[in-house]
Amino acid sequence: TRINNWVLVASSIWRYMGQNMVLFIGAIASVDKTQYEAAAIDGANA
């Protein structure tokens, strides 16, 4: 009982993380690329 609920939570993370990742990738793809270029000129890191 000290760890079994965390074990089940890890299983849930394994299942649903990829779905959220795809949604985030789609959102990031809509970001204006010129902002990255301007940030690179200003010396911004990742």
ModelCIF file with pLDDT and N, C-alpha, C, O atoms, coordinates in Angstrom:
data_MODEL
#
_entry.id   MODEL 
#
_entity.id                         1 
_entity.type                       polymer 
_entity.pdbx_number_of_molecules   1 
#
_entity_poly.entity_id                      1 
_entity_poly.type                           'polypeptide(L)' 
_entity_poly.nstd_linkage                   no 
_entity_poly.nstd_monomer                   no 
_entity_poly.pdbx_seq_one_letter_code       TRINNWVLVASSIWRYMGQNMVLFIGAIASVDKTQYEAAAIDGANA 
_entity_poly.pdbx_seq_one_letter_code_can   TRINNWVLVASSIWRYMGQNMVLFIGAIASVDKTQYEAAAIDGANA 
_entity_poly.pdbx_strand_id                 A 
#
loop_
_entity_poly_seq.entity_id 
_entity_poly_seq.num 
_entity_poly_seq.mon_id 
_entity_poly_seq.hetero 
1 1  THR n 
1 2  ARG n 
1 3  ILE n 
1 4  ASN n 
1 5  ASN n 
1 6  TRP n 
1 7  VAL n 
1 8  LEU n 
1 9  VAL n 
1 10 ALA n 
1 11 SER n 
1 12 SER n 
1 13 ILE n 
1 14 TRP n 
1 15 ARG n 
1 16 TYR n 
1 17 MET n 
1 18 GLY n 
1 19 GLN n 
1 20 ASN n 
1 21 MET n 
1 22 VAL n 
1 23 LEU n 
1 24 PHE n 
1 25 ILE n 
1 26 GLY n 
1 27 ALA n 
1 28 ILE n 
1 29 ALA n 
1 30 SER n 
1 31 VAL n 
1 32 ASP n 
1 33 LYS n 
1 34 THR n 
1 35 GLN n 
1 36 TYR n 
1 37 GLU n 
1 38 ALA n 
1 39 ALA n 
1 40 ALA n 
1 41 ILE n 
1 42 ASP n 
1 43 GLY n 
1 44 ALA n 
1 45 ASN n 
1 46 ALA n 
#
_struct_asym.id          A 
_struct_asym.entity_id   1 
#
loop_
_ma_qa_metric.id 
_ma_qa_metric.mode 
_ma_qa_metric.name 
_ma_qa_metric.software_group_id 
_ma_qa_metric.type 
1 global pLDDT . pLDDT 
2 local  pLDDT . pLDDT 
#
_ma_qa_metric_global.metric_id      1 
_ma_qa_metric_global.metric_value   87.00 
_ma_qa_metric_global.model_id       1 
_ma_qa_metric_global.ordinal_id     1 
#
loop_
_ma_qa_metric_local.label_asym_id 
_ma_qa_metric_local.label_comp_id 
_ma_qa_metric_local.label_seq_id 
_ma_qa_metric_local.metric_id 
_ma_qa_metric_local.metric_value 
_ma_qa_metric_local.model_id 
_ma_qa_metric_local.ordinal_id 
A THR 1  2 88.00 1 1  
A ARG 2  2 89.00 1 2  
A ILE 3  2 91.00 1 3  
A ASN 4  2 91.00 1 4  
A ASN 5  2 93.00 1 5  
A TRP 6  2 93.00 1 6  
A VAL 7  2 93.00 1 7  
A LEU 8  2 93.00 1 8  
A VAL 9  2 93.00 1 9  
A ALA 10 2 93.00 1 10 
A SER 11 2 92.00 1 11 
A SER 12 2 91.00 1 12 
A ILE 13 2 92.00 1 13 
A TRP 14 2 92.00 1 14 
A ARG 15 2 90.00 1 15 
A TYR 16 2 90.00 1 16 
A MET 17 2 91.00 1 17 
A GLY 18 2 90.00 1 18 
A GLN 19 2 90.00 1 19 
A ASN 20 2 91.00 1 20 
A MET 21 2 92.00 1 21 
A VAL 22 2 90.00 1 22 
A LEU 23 2 90.00 1 23 
A PHE 24 2 92.00 1 24 
A ILE 25 2 90.00 1 25 
A GLY 26 2 88.00 1 26 
A ALA 27 2 89.00 1 27 
A ILE 28 2 89.00 1 28 
A ALA 29 2 87.00 1 29 
A SER 30 2 85.00 1 30 
A VAL 31 2 84.00 1 31 
A ASP 32 2 81.00 1 32 
A LYS 33 2 80.00 1 33 
A THR 34 2 82.00 1 34 
A GLN 35 2 83.00 1 35 
A TYR 36 2 80.00 1 36 
A GLU 37 2 78.00 1 37 
A ALA 38 2 82.00 1 38 
A ALA 39 2 80.00 1 39 
A ALA 40 2 79.00 1 40 
A ILE 41 2 81.00 1 41 
A ASP 42 2 77.00 1 42 
A GLY 43 2 79.00 1 43 
A ALA 44 2 79.00 1 44 
A ASN 45 2 80.00 1 45 
A ALA 46 2 79.00 1 46 
#
loop_
_atom_site.group_PDB 
_atom_site.id 
_atom_site.type_symbol 
_atom_site.label_atom_id 
_atom_site.label_alt_id 
_atom_site.label_comp_id 
_atom_site.label_asym_id 
_atom_site.label_entity_id 
_atom_site.label_seq_id 
_atom_site.pdbx_PDB_ins_code 
_atom_site.Cartn_x 
_atom_site.Cartn_y 
_atom_site.Cartn_z 
_atom_site.occupancy 
_atom_site.B_iso_or_equiv 
_atom_site.pdbx_formal_charge 
_atom_site.auth_seq_id 
_atom_site.auth_comp_id 
_atom_site.auth_asym_id 
_atom_site.auth_atom_id 
_atom_site.pdbx_PDB_model_num 
ATOM 1   N N  . THR A 1 1  ? 0.806  -1.216 0.000   1.00 88.00 ? 1  THR A N  1 
ATOM 2   C CA . THR A 1 1  ? 0.000  0.000  0.000   1.00 88.00 ? 1  THR A CA 1 
ATOM 3   C C  . THR A 1 1  ? 0.846  1.276  0.000   1.00 88.00 ? 1  THR A C  1 
ATOM 4   O O  . THR A 1 1  ? 0.314  2.364  -0.219  1.00 88.00 ? 1  THR A O  1 
ATOM 5   N N  . ARG A 1 2  ? 2.140  1.157  0.240   1.00 89.00 ? 2  ARG A N  1 
ATOM 6   C CA . ARG A 1 2  ? 3.004  2.342  0.212   1.00 89.00 ? 2  ARG A CA 1 
ATOM 7   C C  . ARG A 1 2  ? 3.303  2.790  -1.210  1.00 89.00 ? 2  ARG A C  1 
ATOM 8   O O  . ARG A 1 2  ? 3.579  3.967  -1.446  1.00 89.00 ? 2  ARG A O  1 
ATOM 9   N N  . ILE A 1 3  ? 3.251  1.863  -2.158  1.00 91.00 ? 3  ILE A N  1 
ATOM 10  C CA . ILE A 1 3  ? 3.677  2.209  -3.520  1.00 91.00 ? 3  ILE A CA 1 
ATOM 11  C C  . ILE A 1 3  ? 2.654  1.840  -4.585  1.00 91.00 ? 3  ILE A C  1 
ATOM 12  O O  . ILE A 1 3  ? 2.772  2.306  -5.718  1.00 91.00 ? 3  ILE A O  1 
ATOM 13  N N  . ASN A 1 4  ? 1.650  1.018  -4.264  1.00 91.00 ? 4  ASN A N  1 
ATOM 14  C CA . ASN A 1 4  ? 0.806  0.487  -5.336  1.00 91.00 ? 4  ASN A CA 1 
ATOM 15  C C  . ASN A 1 4  ? 0.019  1.582  -6.062  1.00 91.00 ? 4  ASN A C  1 
ATOM 16  O O  . ASN A 1 4  ? -0.199 1.480  -7.269  1.00 91.00 ? 4  ASN A O  1 
ATOM 17  N N  . ASN A 1 5  ? -0.408 2.623  -5.350  1.00 93.00 ? 5  ASN A N  1 
ATOM 18  C CA . ASN A 1 5  ? -1.130 3.697  -6.039  1.00 93.00 ? 5  ASN A CA 1 
ATOM 19  C C  . ASN A 1 5  ? -0.216 4.493  -6.965  1.00 93.00 ? 5  ASN A C  1 
ATOM 20  O O  . ASN A 1 5  ? -0.640 4.923  -8.038  1.00 93.00 ? 5  ASN A O  1 
ATOM 21  N N  . TRP A 1 6  ? 1.032  4.692  -6.556  1.00 93.00 ? 6  TRP A N  1 
ATOM 22  C CA . TRP A 1 6  ? 1.986  5.366  -7.449  1.00 93.00 ? 6  TRP A CA 1 
ATOM 23  C C  . TRP A 1 6  ? 2.273  4.517  -8.676  1.00 93.00 ? 6  TRP A C  1 
ATOM 24  O O  . TRP A 1 6  ? 2.488  5.044  -9.767  1.00 93.00 ? 6  TRP A O  1 
ATOM 25  N N  . VAL A 1 7  ? 2.277  3.200  -8.495  1.00 93.00 ? 7  VAL A N  1 
ATOM 26  C CA . VAL A 1 7  ? 2.484  2.292  -9.625  1.00 93.00 ? 7  VAL A CA 1 
ATOM 27  C C  . VAL A 1 7  ? 1.347  2.426  -10.633 1.00 93.00 ? 7  VAL A C  1 
ATOM 28  O O  . VAL A 1 7  ? 1.584  2.459  -11.841 1.00 93.00 ? 7  VAL A O  1 
ATOM 29  N N  . LEU A 1 8  ? 0.115  2.501  -10.138 1.00 93.00 ? 8  LEU A N  1 
ATOM 30  C CA . LEU A 1 8  ? -1.027 2.663  -11.025 1.00 93.00 ? 8  LEU A CA 1 
ATOM 31  C C  . LEU A 1 8  ? -1.014 4.037  -11.703 1.00 93.00 ? 8  LEU A C  1 
ATOM 32  O O  . LEU A 1 8  ? -1.391 4.161  -12.868 1.00 93.00 ? 8  LEU A O  1 
ATOM 33  N N  . VAL A 1 9  ? -0.581 5.061  -10.973 1.00 93.00 ? 9  VAL A N  1 
ATOM 34  C CA . VAL A 1 9  ? -0.462 6.398  -11.570 1.00 93.00 ? 9  VAL A CA 1 
ATOM 35  C C  . VAL A 1 9  ? 0.546  6.381  -12.711 1.00 93.00 ? 9  VAL A C  1 
ATOM 36  O O  . VAL A 1 9  ? 0.320  7.000  -13.751 1.00 93.00 ? 9  VAL A O  1 
ATOM 37  N N  . ALA A 1 10 ? 1.663  5.672  -12.519 1.00 93.00 ? 10 ALA A N  1 
ATOM 38  C CA . ALA A 1 10 ? 2.663  5.565  -13.588 1.00 93.00 ? 10 ALA A CA 1 
ATOM 39  C C  . ALA A 1 10 ? 2.073  4.912  -14.830 1.00 93.00 ? 10 ALA A C  1 
ATOM 40  O O  . ALA A 1 10 ? 2.393  5.309  -15.951 1.00 93.00 ? 10 ALA A O  1 
ATOM 41  N N  . SER A 1 11 ? 1.222  3.921  -14.643 1.00 92.00 ? 11 SER A N  1 
ATOM 42  C CA . SER A 1 11 ? 0.565  3.278  -15.788 1.00 92.00 ? 11 SER A CA 1 
ATOM 43  C C  . SER A 1 11 ? -0.336 4.256  -16.514 1.00 92.00 ? 11 SER A C  1 
ATOM 44  O O  . SER A 1 11 ? -0.390 4.255  -17.744 1.00 92.00 ? 11 SER A O  1 
ATOM 45  N N  . SER A 1 12 ? -1.051 5.099  -15.760 1.00 91.00 ? 12 SER A N  1 
ATOM 46  C CA . SER A 1 12 ? -1.920 6.102  -16.368 1.00 91.00 ? 12 SER A CA 1 
ATOM 47  C C  . SER A 1 12 ? -1.115 7.135  -17.143 1.00 91.00 ? 12 SER A C  1 
ATOM 48  O O  . SER A 1 12 ? -1.522 7.559  -18.225 1.00 91.00 ? 12 SER A O  1 
ATOM 49  N N  . ILE A 1 13 ? 0.027  7.542  -16.595 1.00 92.00 ? 13 ILE A N  1 
ATOM 50  C CA . ILE A 1 13 ? 0.891  8.493  -17.302 1.00 92.00 ? 13 ILE A CA 1 
ATOM 51  C C  . ILE A 1 13 ? 1.361  7.896  -18.611 1.00 92.00 ? 13 ILE A C  1 
ATOM 52  O O  . ILE A 1 13 ? 1.365  8.576  -19.637 1.00 92.00 ? 13 ILE A O  1 
ATOM 53  N N  . TRP A 1 14 ? 1.762  6.623  -18.589 1.00 92.00 ? 14 TRP A N  1 
ATOM 54  C CA . TRP A 1 14 ? 2.247  5.946  -19.801 1.00 92.00 ? 14 TRP A CA 1 
ATOM 55  C C  . TRP A 1 14 ? 1.184  5.938  -20.891 1.00 92.00 ? 14 TRP A C  1 
ATOM 56  O O  . TRP A 1 14 ? 1.495  6.070  -22.075 1.00 92.00 ? 14 TRP A O  1 
ATOM 57  N N  . ARG A 1 15 ? -0.064 5.785  -20.485 1.00 90.00 ? 15 ARG A N  1 
ATOM 58  C CA . ARG A 1 15 ? -1.118 5.679  -21.489 1.00 90.00 ? 15 ARG A CA 1 
ATOM 59  C C  . ARG A 1 15 ? -1.496 7.029  -22.104 1.00 90.00 ? 15 ARG A C  1 
ATOM 60  O O  . ARG A 1 15 ? -1.669 7.116  -23.320 1.00 90.00 ? 15 ARG A O  1 
ATOM 61  N N  . TYR A 1 16 ? -1.627 8.072  -21.299 1.00 90.00 ? 16 TYR A N  1 
ATOM 62  C CA . TYR A 1 16 ? -2.222 9.326  -21.777 1.00 90.00 ? 16 TYR A CA 1 
ATOM 63  C C  . TYR A 1 16 ? -1.211 10.403 -22.166 1.00 90.00 ? 16 TYR A C  1 
ATOM 64  O O  . TYR A 1 16 ? -1.591 11.410 -22.763 1.00 90.00 ? 16 TYR A O  1 
ATOM 65  N N  . MET A 1 17 ? 0.063  10.212 -21.843 1.00 91.00 ? 17 MET A N  1 
ATOM 66  C CA . MET A 1 17 ? 1.045  11.254 -22.115 1.00 91.00 ? 17 MET A CA 1 
ATOM 67  C C  . MET A 1 17 ? 1.181  11.544 -23.610 1.00 91.00 ? 17 MET A C  1 
ATOM 68  O O  . MET A 1 17 ? 1.306  12.704 -24.002 1.00 91.00 ? 17 MET A O  1 
ATOM 69  N N  . GLY A 1 18 ? 1.160  10.512 -24.441 1.00 90.00 ? 18 GLY A N  1 
ATOM 70  C CA . GLY A 1 18 ? 1.308  10.703 -25.881 1.00 90.00 ? 18 GLY A CA 1 
ATOM 71  C C  . GLY A 1 18 ? 0.163  11.495 -26.486 1.00 90.00 ? 18 GLY A C  1 
ATOM 72  O O  . GLY A 1 18 ? 0.375  12.279 -27.411 1.00 90.00 ? 18 GLY A O  1 
ATOM 73  N N  . GLN A 1 19 ? -1.038 11.301 -25.981 1.00 90.00 ? 19 GLN A N  1 
ATOM 74  C CA . GLN A 1 19 ? -2.192 12.054 -26.490 1.00 90.00 ? 19 GLN A CA 1 
ATOM 75  C C  . GLN A 1 19 ? -2.025 13.546 -26.228 1.00 90.00 ? 19 GLN A C  1 
ATOM 76  O O  . GLN A 1 19 ? -2.270 14.364 -27.115 1.00 90.00 ? 19 GLN A O  1 
ATOM 77  N N  . ASN A 1 20 ? -1.609 13.906 -25.011 1.00 91.00 ? 20 ASN A N  1 
ATOM 78  C CA . ASN A 1 20 ? -1.363 15.313 -24.704 1.00 91.00 ? 20 ASN A CA 1 
ATOM 79  C C  . ASN A 1 20 ? -0.192 15.862 -25.520 1.00 91.00 ? 20 ASN A C  1 
ATOM 80  O O  . ASN A 1 20 ? -0.208 17.022 -25.931 1.00 91.00 ? 20 ASN A O  1 
ATOM 81  N N  . MET A 1 21 ? 0.814  15.033 -25.751 1.00 92.00 ? 21 MET A N  1 
ATOM 82  C CA . MET A 1 21 ? 1.978  15.465 -26.521 1.00 92.00 ? 21 MET A CA 1 
ATOM 83  C C  . MET A 1 21 ? 1.583  15.865 -27.940 1.00 92.00 ? 21 MET A C  1 
ATOM 84  O O  . MET A 1 21 ? 2.057  16.879 -28.453 1.00 92.00 ? 21 MET A O  1 
ATOM 85  N N  . VAL A 1 22 ? 0.722  15.078 -28.574 1.00 90.00 ? 22 VAL A N  1 
ATOM 86  C CA . VAL A 1 22 ? 0.291  15.384 -29.942 1.00 90.00 ? 22 VAL A CA 1 
ATOM 87  C C  . VAL A 1 22 ? -0.480 16.690 -29.984 1.00 90.00 ? 22 VAL A C  1 
ATOM 88  O O  . VAL A 1 22 ? -0.318 17.472 -30.921 1.00 90.00 ? 22 VAL A O  1 
ATOM 89  N N  . LEU A 1 23 ? -1.318 16.940 -28.984 1.00 90.00 ? 23 LEU A N  1 
ATOM 90  C CA . LEU A 1 23 ? -2.055 18.206 -28.928 1.00 90.00 ? 23 LEU A CA 1 
ATOM 91  C C  . LEU A 1 23 ? -1.092 19.389 -28.775 1.00 90.00 ? 23 LEU A C  1 
ATOM 92  O O  . LEU A 1 23 ? -1.283 20.435 -29.395 1.00 90.00 ? 23 LEU A O  1 
ATOM 93  N N  . PHE A 1 24 ? -0.073 19.217 -27.958 1.00 92.00 ? 24 PHE A N  1 
ATOM 94  C CA . PHE A 1 24 ? 0.907  20.279 -27.783 1.00 92.00 ? 24 PHE A CA 1 
ATOM 95  C C  . PHE A 1 24 ? 1.719  20.506 -29.057 1.00 92.00 ? 24 PHE A C  1 
ATOM 96  O O  . PHE A 1 24 ? 2.032  21.646 -29.400 1.00 92.00 ? 24 PHE A O  1 
ATOM 97  N N  . ILE A 1 25 ? 2.059  19.431 -29.754 1.00 90.00 ? 25 ILE A N  1 
ATOM 98  C CA . ILE A 1 25 ? 2.810  19.571 -31.004 1.00 90.00 ? 25 ILE A CA 1 
ATOM 99  C C  . ILE A 1 25 ? 1.999  20.363 -32.023 1.00 90.00 ? 25 ILE A C  1 
ATOM 100 O O  . ILE A 1 25 ? 2.535  21.233 -32.710 1.00 90.00 ? 25 ILE A O  1 
ATOM 101 N N  . GLY A 1 26 ? 0.714  20.061 -32.119 1.00 88.00 ? 26 GLY A N  1 
ATOM 102 C CA . GLY A 1 26 ? -0.139 20.817 -33.038 1.00 88.00 ? 26 GLY A CA 1 
ATOM 103 C C  . GLY A 1 26 ? -0.222 22.286 -32.670 1.00 88.00 ? 26 GLY A C  1 
ATOM 104 O O  . GLY A 1 26 ? -0.249 23.149 -33.547 1.00 88.00 ? 26 GLY A O  1 
ATOM 105 N N  . ALA A 1 27 ? -0.264 22.577 -31.360 1.00 89.00 ? 27 ALA A N  1 
ATOM 106 C CA . ALA A 1 27 ? -0.321 23.972 -30.928 1.00 89.00 ? 27 ALA A CA 1 
ATOM 107 C C  . ALA A 1 27 ? 0.998  24.690 -31.201 1.00 89.00 ? 27 ALA A C  1 
ATOM 108 O O  . ALA A 1 27 ? 1.001  25.843 -31.632 1.00 89.00 ? 27 ALA A O  1 
ATOM 109 N N  . ILE A 1 28 ? 2.114  24.013 -30.953 1.00 89.00 ? 28 ILE A N  1 
ATOM 110 C CA . ILE A 1 28 ? 3.425  24.628 -31.184 1.00 89.00 ? 28 ILE A CA 1 
ATOM 111 C C  . ILE A 1 28 ? 3.648  24.881 -32.668 1.00 89.00 ? 28 ILE A C  1 
ATOM 112 O O  . ILE A 1 28 ? 4.308  25.852 -33.036 1.00 89.00 ? 28 ILE A O  1 
ATOM 113 N N  . ALA A 1 29 ? 3.107  24.023 -33.521 1.00 87.00 ? 29 ALA A N  1 
ATOM 114 C CA . ALA A 1 29 ? 3.272  24.203 -34.972 1.00 87.00 ? 29 ALA A CA 1 
ATOM 115 C C  . ALA A 1 29 ? 2.617  25.484 -35.467 1.00 87.00 ? 29 ALA A C  1 
ATOM 116 O O  . ALA A 1 29 ? 2.989  25.997 -36.522 1.00 87.00 ? 29 ALA A O  1 
ATOM 117 N N  . SER A 1 30 ? 1.639  26.013 -34.718 1.00 85.00 ? 30 SER A N  1 
ATOM 118 C CA . SER A 1 30 ? 0.949  27.232 -35.142 1.00 85.00 ? 30 SER A CA 1 
ATOM 119 C C  . SER A 1 30 ? 1.674  28.510 -34.713 1.00 85.00 ? 30 SER A C  1 
ATOM 120 O O  . SER A 1 30 ? 1.248  29.610 -35.063 1.00 85.00 ? 30 SER A O  1 
ATOM 121 N N  . VAL A 1 31 ? 2.763  28.370 -33.960 1.00 84.00 ? 31 VAL A N  1 
ATOM 122 C CA . VAL A 1 31 ? 3.513  29.545 -33.511 1.00 84.00 ? 31 VAL A CA 1 
ATOM 123 C C  . VAL A 1 31 ? 4.273  30.140 -34.693 1.00 84.00 ? 31 VAL A C  1 
ATOM 124 O O  . VAL A 1 31 ? 4.851  29.413 -35.501 1.00 84.00 ? 31 VAL A O  1 
ATOM 125 N N  . ASP A 1 32 ? 4.267  31.465 -34.784 1.00 81.00 ? 32 ASP A N  1 
ATOM 126 C CA . ASP A 1 32 ? 4.947  32.166 -35.876 1.00 81.00 ? 32 ASP A CA 1 
ATOM 127 C C  . ASP A 1 32 ? 6.448  31.903 -35.811 1.00 81.00 ? 32 ASP A C  1 
ATOM 128 O O  . ASP A 1 32 ? 7.085  32.180 -34.795 1.00 81.00 ? 32 ASP A O  1 
ATOM 129 N N  . LYS A 1 33 ? 7.018  31.362 -36.902 1.00 80.00 ? 33 LYS A N  1 
ATOM 130 C CA . LYS A 1 33 ? 8.439  30.999 -36.931 1.00 80.00 ? 33 LYS A CA 1 
ATOM 131 C C  . LYS A 1 33 ? 9.351  32.218 -36.882 1.00 80.00 ? 33 LYS A C  1 
ATOM 132 O O  . LYS A 1 33 ? 10.505 32.108 -36.466 1.00 80.00 ? 33 LYS A O  1 
ATOM 133 N N  . THR A 1 34 ? 8.853  33.370 -37.299 1.00 82.00 ? 34 THR A N  1 
ATOM 134 C CA . THR A 1 34 ? 9.700  34.562 -37.273 1.00 82.00 ? 34 THR A CA 1 
ATOM 135 C C  . THR A 1 34 ? 10.073 34.963 -35.848 1.00 82.00 ? 34 THR A C  1 
ATOM 136 O O  . THR A 1 34 ? 11.080 35.637 -35.634 1.00 82.00 ? 34 THR A O  1 
ATOM 137 N N  . GLN A 1 35 ? 9.266  34.552 -34.879 1.00 83.00 ? 35 GLN A N  1 
ATOM 138 C CA . GLN A 1 35 ? 9.606  34.855 -33.485 1.00 83.00 ? 35 GLN A CA 1 
ATOM 139 C C  . GLN A 1 35 ? 10.862 34.105 -33.063 1.00 83.00 ? 35 GLN A C  1 
ATOM 140 O O  . GLN A 1 35 ? 11.681 34.636 -32.313 1.00 83.00 ? 35 GLN A O  1 
ATOM 141 N N  . TYR A 1 36 ? 11.020 32.848 -33.552 1.00 80.00 ? 36 TYR A N  1 
ATOM 142 C CA . TYR A 1 36 ? 12.244 32.105 -33.252 1.00 80.00 ? 36 TYR A CA 1 
ATOM 143 C C  . TYR A 1 36 ? 13.466 32.789 -33.864 1.00 80.00 ? 36 TYR A C  1 
ATOM 144 O O  . TYR A 1 36 ? 14.523 32.864 -33.237 1.00 80.00 ? 36 TYR A O  1 
ATOM 145 N N  . GLU A 1 37 ? 13.315 33.286 -35.089 1.00 78.00 ? 37 GLU A N  1 
ATOM 146 C CA . GLU A 1 37 ? 14.433 33.950 -35.753 1.00 78.00 ? 37 GLU A CA 1 
ATOM 147 C C  . GLU A 1 37 ? 14.823 35.215 -35.006 1.00 78.00 ? 37 GLU A C  1 
ATOM 148 O O  . GLU A 1 37 ? 16.009 35.487 -34.819 1.00 78.00 ? 37 GLU A O  1 
ATOM 149 N N  . ALA A 1 38 ? 13.837 35.987 -34.580 1.00 82.00 ? 38 ALA A N  1 
ATOM 150 C CA . ALA A 1 38 ? 14.129 37.206 -33.819 1.00 82.00 ? 38 ALA A CA 1 
ATOM 151 C C  . ALA A 1 38 ? 14.788 36.869 -32.484 1.00 82.00 ? 38 ALA A C  1 
ATOM 152 O O  . ALA A 1 38 ? 15.702 37.566 -32.043 1.00 82.00 ? 38 ALA A O  1 
ATOM 153 N N  . ALA A 1 39 ? 14.321 35.798 -31.846 1.00 80.00 ? 39 ALA A N  1 
ATOM 154 C CA . ALA A 1 39 ? 14.916 35.398 -30.571 1.00 80.00 ? 39 ALA A CA 1 
ATOM 155 C C  . ALA A 1 39 ? 16.352 34.925 -30.755 1.00 80.00 ? 39 ALA A C  1 
ATOM 156 O O  . ALA A 1 39 ? 17.205 35.194 -29.909 1.00 80.00 ? 39 ALA A O  1 
ATOM 157 N N  . ALA A 1 40 ? 16.630 34.217 -31.863 1.00 79.00 ? 40 ALA A N  1 
ATOM 158 C CA . ALA A 1 40 ? 17.995 33.760 -32.126 1.00 79.00 ? 40 ALA A CA 1 
ATOM 159 C C  . ALA A 1 40 ? 18.929 34.951 -32.340 1.00 79.00 ? 40 ALA A C  1 
ATOM 160 O O  . ALA A 1 40 ? 20.078 34.931 -31.898 1.00 79.00 ? 40 ALA A O  1 
ATOM 161 N N  . ILE A 1 41 ? 18.437 35.977 -33.012 1.00 81.00 ? 41 ILE A N  1 
ATOM 162 C CA . ILE A 1 41 ? 19.252 37.179 -33.219 1.00 81.00 ? 41 ILE A CA 1 
ATOM 163 C C  . ILE A 1 41 ? 19.564 37.848 -31.884 1.00 81.00 ? 41 ILE A C  1 
ATOM 164 O O  . ILE A 1 41 ? 20.662 38.372 -31.693 1.00 81.00 ? 41 ILE A O  1 
ATOM 165 N N  . ASP A 1 42 ? 18.607 37.833 -30.964 1.00 77.00 ? 42 ASP A N  1 
ATOM 166 C CA . ASP A 1 42 ? 18.809 38.448 -29.647 1.00 77.00 ? 42 ASP A CA 1 
ATOM 167 C C  . ASP A 1 42 ? 19.635 37.567 -28.713 1.00 77.00 ? 42 ASP A C  1 
ATOM 168 O O  . ASP A 1 42 ? 19.923 37.959 -27.582 1.00 77.00 ? 42 ASP A O  1 
ATOM 169 N N  . GLY A 1 43 ? 20.019 36.371 -29.185 1.00 79.00 ? 43 GLY A N  1 
ATOM 170 C CA . GLY A 1 43 ? 20.850 35.490 -28.368 1.00 79.00 ? 43 GLY A CA 1 
ATOM 171 C C  . GLY A 1 43 ? 20.082 34.626 -27.391 1.00 79.00 ? 43 GLY A C  1 
ATOM 172 O O  . GLY A 1 43 ? 20.656 34.151 -26.411 1.00 79.00 ? 43 GLY A O  1 
ATOM 173 N N  . ALA A 1 44 ? 18.791 34.409 -27.633 1.00 79.00 ? 44 ALA A N  1 
ATOM 174 C CA . ALA A 1 44 ? 17.983 33.587 -26.727 1.00 79.00 ? 44 ALA A CA 1 
ATOM 175 C C  . ALA A 1 44 ? 18.336 32.112 -26.879 1.00 79.00 ? 44 ALA A C  1 
ATOM 176 O O  . ALA A 1 44 ? 18.529 31.621 -27.991 1.00 79.00 ? 44 ALA A O  1 
ATOM 177 N N  . ASN A 1 45 ? 18.420 31.412 -25.752 1.00 80.00 ? 45 ASN A N  1 
ATOM 178 C CA . ASN A 1 45 ? 18.681 29.969 -25.801 1.00 80.00 ? 45 ASN A CA 1 
ATOM 179 C C  . ASN A 1 45 ? 17.361 29.208 -25.866 1.00 80.00 ? 45 ASN A C  1 
ATOM 180 O O  . ASN A 1 45 ? 16.298 29.817 -25.987 1.00 80.00 ? 45 ASN A O  1 
ATOM 181 N N  . ALA A 1 46 ? 17.425 27.864 -25.786 1.00 79.00 ? 46 ALA A N  1 
ATOM 182 C CA . ALA A 1 46 ? 16.229 27.029 -25.925 1.00 79.00 ? 46 ALA A CA 1 
ATOM 183 C C  . ALA A 1 46 ? 15.222 27.299 -24.802 1.00 79.00 ? 46 ALA A C  1 
ATOM 184 O O  . ALA A 1 46 ? 14.158 26.681 -24.767 1.00 79.00 ? 46 ALA A O  1 
#
